[in-house]
Amino acid sequence: MSSKLYVGGLPSSVEELTLTELFAPHGSVASALVMTNAQTGQSRGFGFVEMAKAEEANEAIASLNDMEMDGRTLTVREAMFQH
């Protein structure tokens, strides 16, 4: 079963390919999405990564949460969705 992760604190330079490459060493990345401002197209500083397996997602969280990237500290956690 796949797991969706929230990734916060992203530098504005990060694109979806960069996010995929960051998470790939921890497992199979099913999808990566950087949220952007609809008017400017600039990153809003967060995104979502879907990992193929829950174990891979947990490994990515353990390895990447609180990691520094271009002077910003990443927050990586399980995505929370409200219905």
Protein backbone atom coordinates (compact mmCIF):
# COMPACT_ATOMS: atom_id res chain seq x y z
CA MET A 1 0.00 0.00 0.00
CA SER A 2 1.36 3.42 -0.96
CA SER A 3 1.93 6.27 1.46
CA LYS A 4 1.62 9.97 0.73
CA LEU A 5 4.06 12.32 2.41
CA TYR A 6 3.91 16.06 3.05
CA VAL A 7 7.18 17.89 2.37
CA GLY A 8 7.43 21.42 3.78
CA GLY A 9 10.17 24.02 3.85
CA LEU A 10 11.09 23.53 0.21
CA PRO A 11 13.33 26.15 -1.38
CA SER A 12 11.66 28.03 -4.24
CA SER A 13 14.11 26.45 -6.70
CA VAL A 14 12.83 22.89 -6.10
CA GLU A 15 10.95 21.27 -8.97
CA GLU A 16 9.15 17.93 -9.10
CA LEU A 17 12.15 16.16 -10.65
CA THR A 18 14.37 17.38 -7.81
CA LEU A 19 11.83 16.12 -5.26
CA THR A 20 11.70 12.73 -7.00
CA GLU A 21 15.49 12.48 -7.02
CA LEU A 22 15.66 13.40 -3.31
CA PHE A 23 13.25 10.60 -2.31
CA ALA A 24 14.32 7.92 -4.83
CA PRO A 25 17.21 6.53 -2.72
CA HIS A 26 14.62 5.56 -0.09
CA GLY A 27 12.32 3.60 -2.41
CA SER A 28 10.01 3.77 -5.37
CA VAL A 29 8.50 7.22 -5.87
CA ALA A 30 5.02 6.87 -7.37
CA SER A 31 4.53 10.63 -7.73
CA ALA A 32 5.97 13.98 -6.66
CA LEU A 33 4.13 17.29 -6.71
CA VAL A 34 5.40 20.76 -5.80
CA MET A 35 2.54 23.13 -5.02
CA THR A 36 2.80 26.40 -6.93
CA ASN A 37 1.09 29.78 -6.90
CA ALA A 38 -1.49 29.75 -9.69
CA GLN A 39 -0.73 33.34 -10.73
CA THR A 40 3.06 33.41 -10.55
CA GLY A 41 3.94 29.74 -11.02
CA GLN A 42 6.42 29.99 -8.12
CA SER A 43 6.74 27.26 -5.52
CA ARG A 44 4.62 27.75 -2.41
CA GLY A 45 7.33 26.00 -0.37
CA PHE A 46 5.65 22.64 0.05
CA GLY A 47 4.67 19.55 -1.87
CA PHE A 48 3.68 15.91 -1.70
CA VAL A 49 5.50 12.69 -2.49
CA GLU A 50 3.81 9.31 -2.83
CA MET A 51 6.01 6.32 -2.03
CA ALA A 52 5.07 2.85 -3.27
CA LYS A 53 5.36 1.19 0.15
CA ALA A 54 4.75 2.37 3.71
CA GLU A 55 8.16 1.05 4.81
CA GLU A 56 9.85 3.19 2.16
CA ALA A 57 7.89 6.23 3.28
CA ASN A 58 8.95 5.66 6.90
CA GLU A 59 12.59 5.39 5.83
CA ALA A 60 12.29 8.64 3.86
CA ILE A 61 10.76 10.41 6.86
CA ALA A 62 13.54 9.18 9.16
CA SER A 63 16.26 10.24 6.71
CA LEU A 64 14.93 13.51 5.30
CA ASN A 65 12.94 15.19 8.09
CA ASP A 66 14.92 18.14 9.50
CA MET A 67 17.42 17.90 6.62
CA GLU A 68 18.79 21.22 5.37
CA MET A 69 18.33 22.04 1.69
CA ASP A 70 19.58 25.35 0.27
CA GLY A 71 19.47 26.96 3.72
CA ARG A 72 15.96 25.73 4.55
CA THR A 73 15.00 22.95 6.95
CA LEU A 74 12.70 20.33 5.44
CA THR A 75 9.68 18.94 7.24
CA VAL A 76 8.77 15.45 6.03
CA ARG A 77 5.80 13.64 7.55
CA GLU A 78 2.83 11.54 6.64
CA ALA A 79 0.29 13.68 4.79
CA MET A 80 -2.89 14.45 6.72
CA PHE A 81 -6.07 14.83 4.72
CA GLN A 82 -9.28 16.26 6.07
CA HIS A 83 -12.54 15.01 4.61
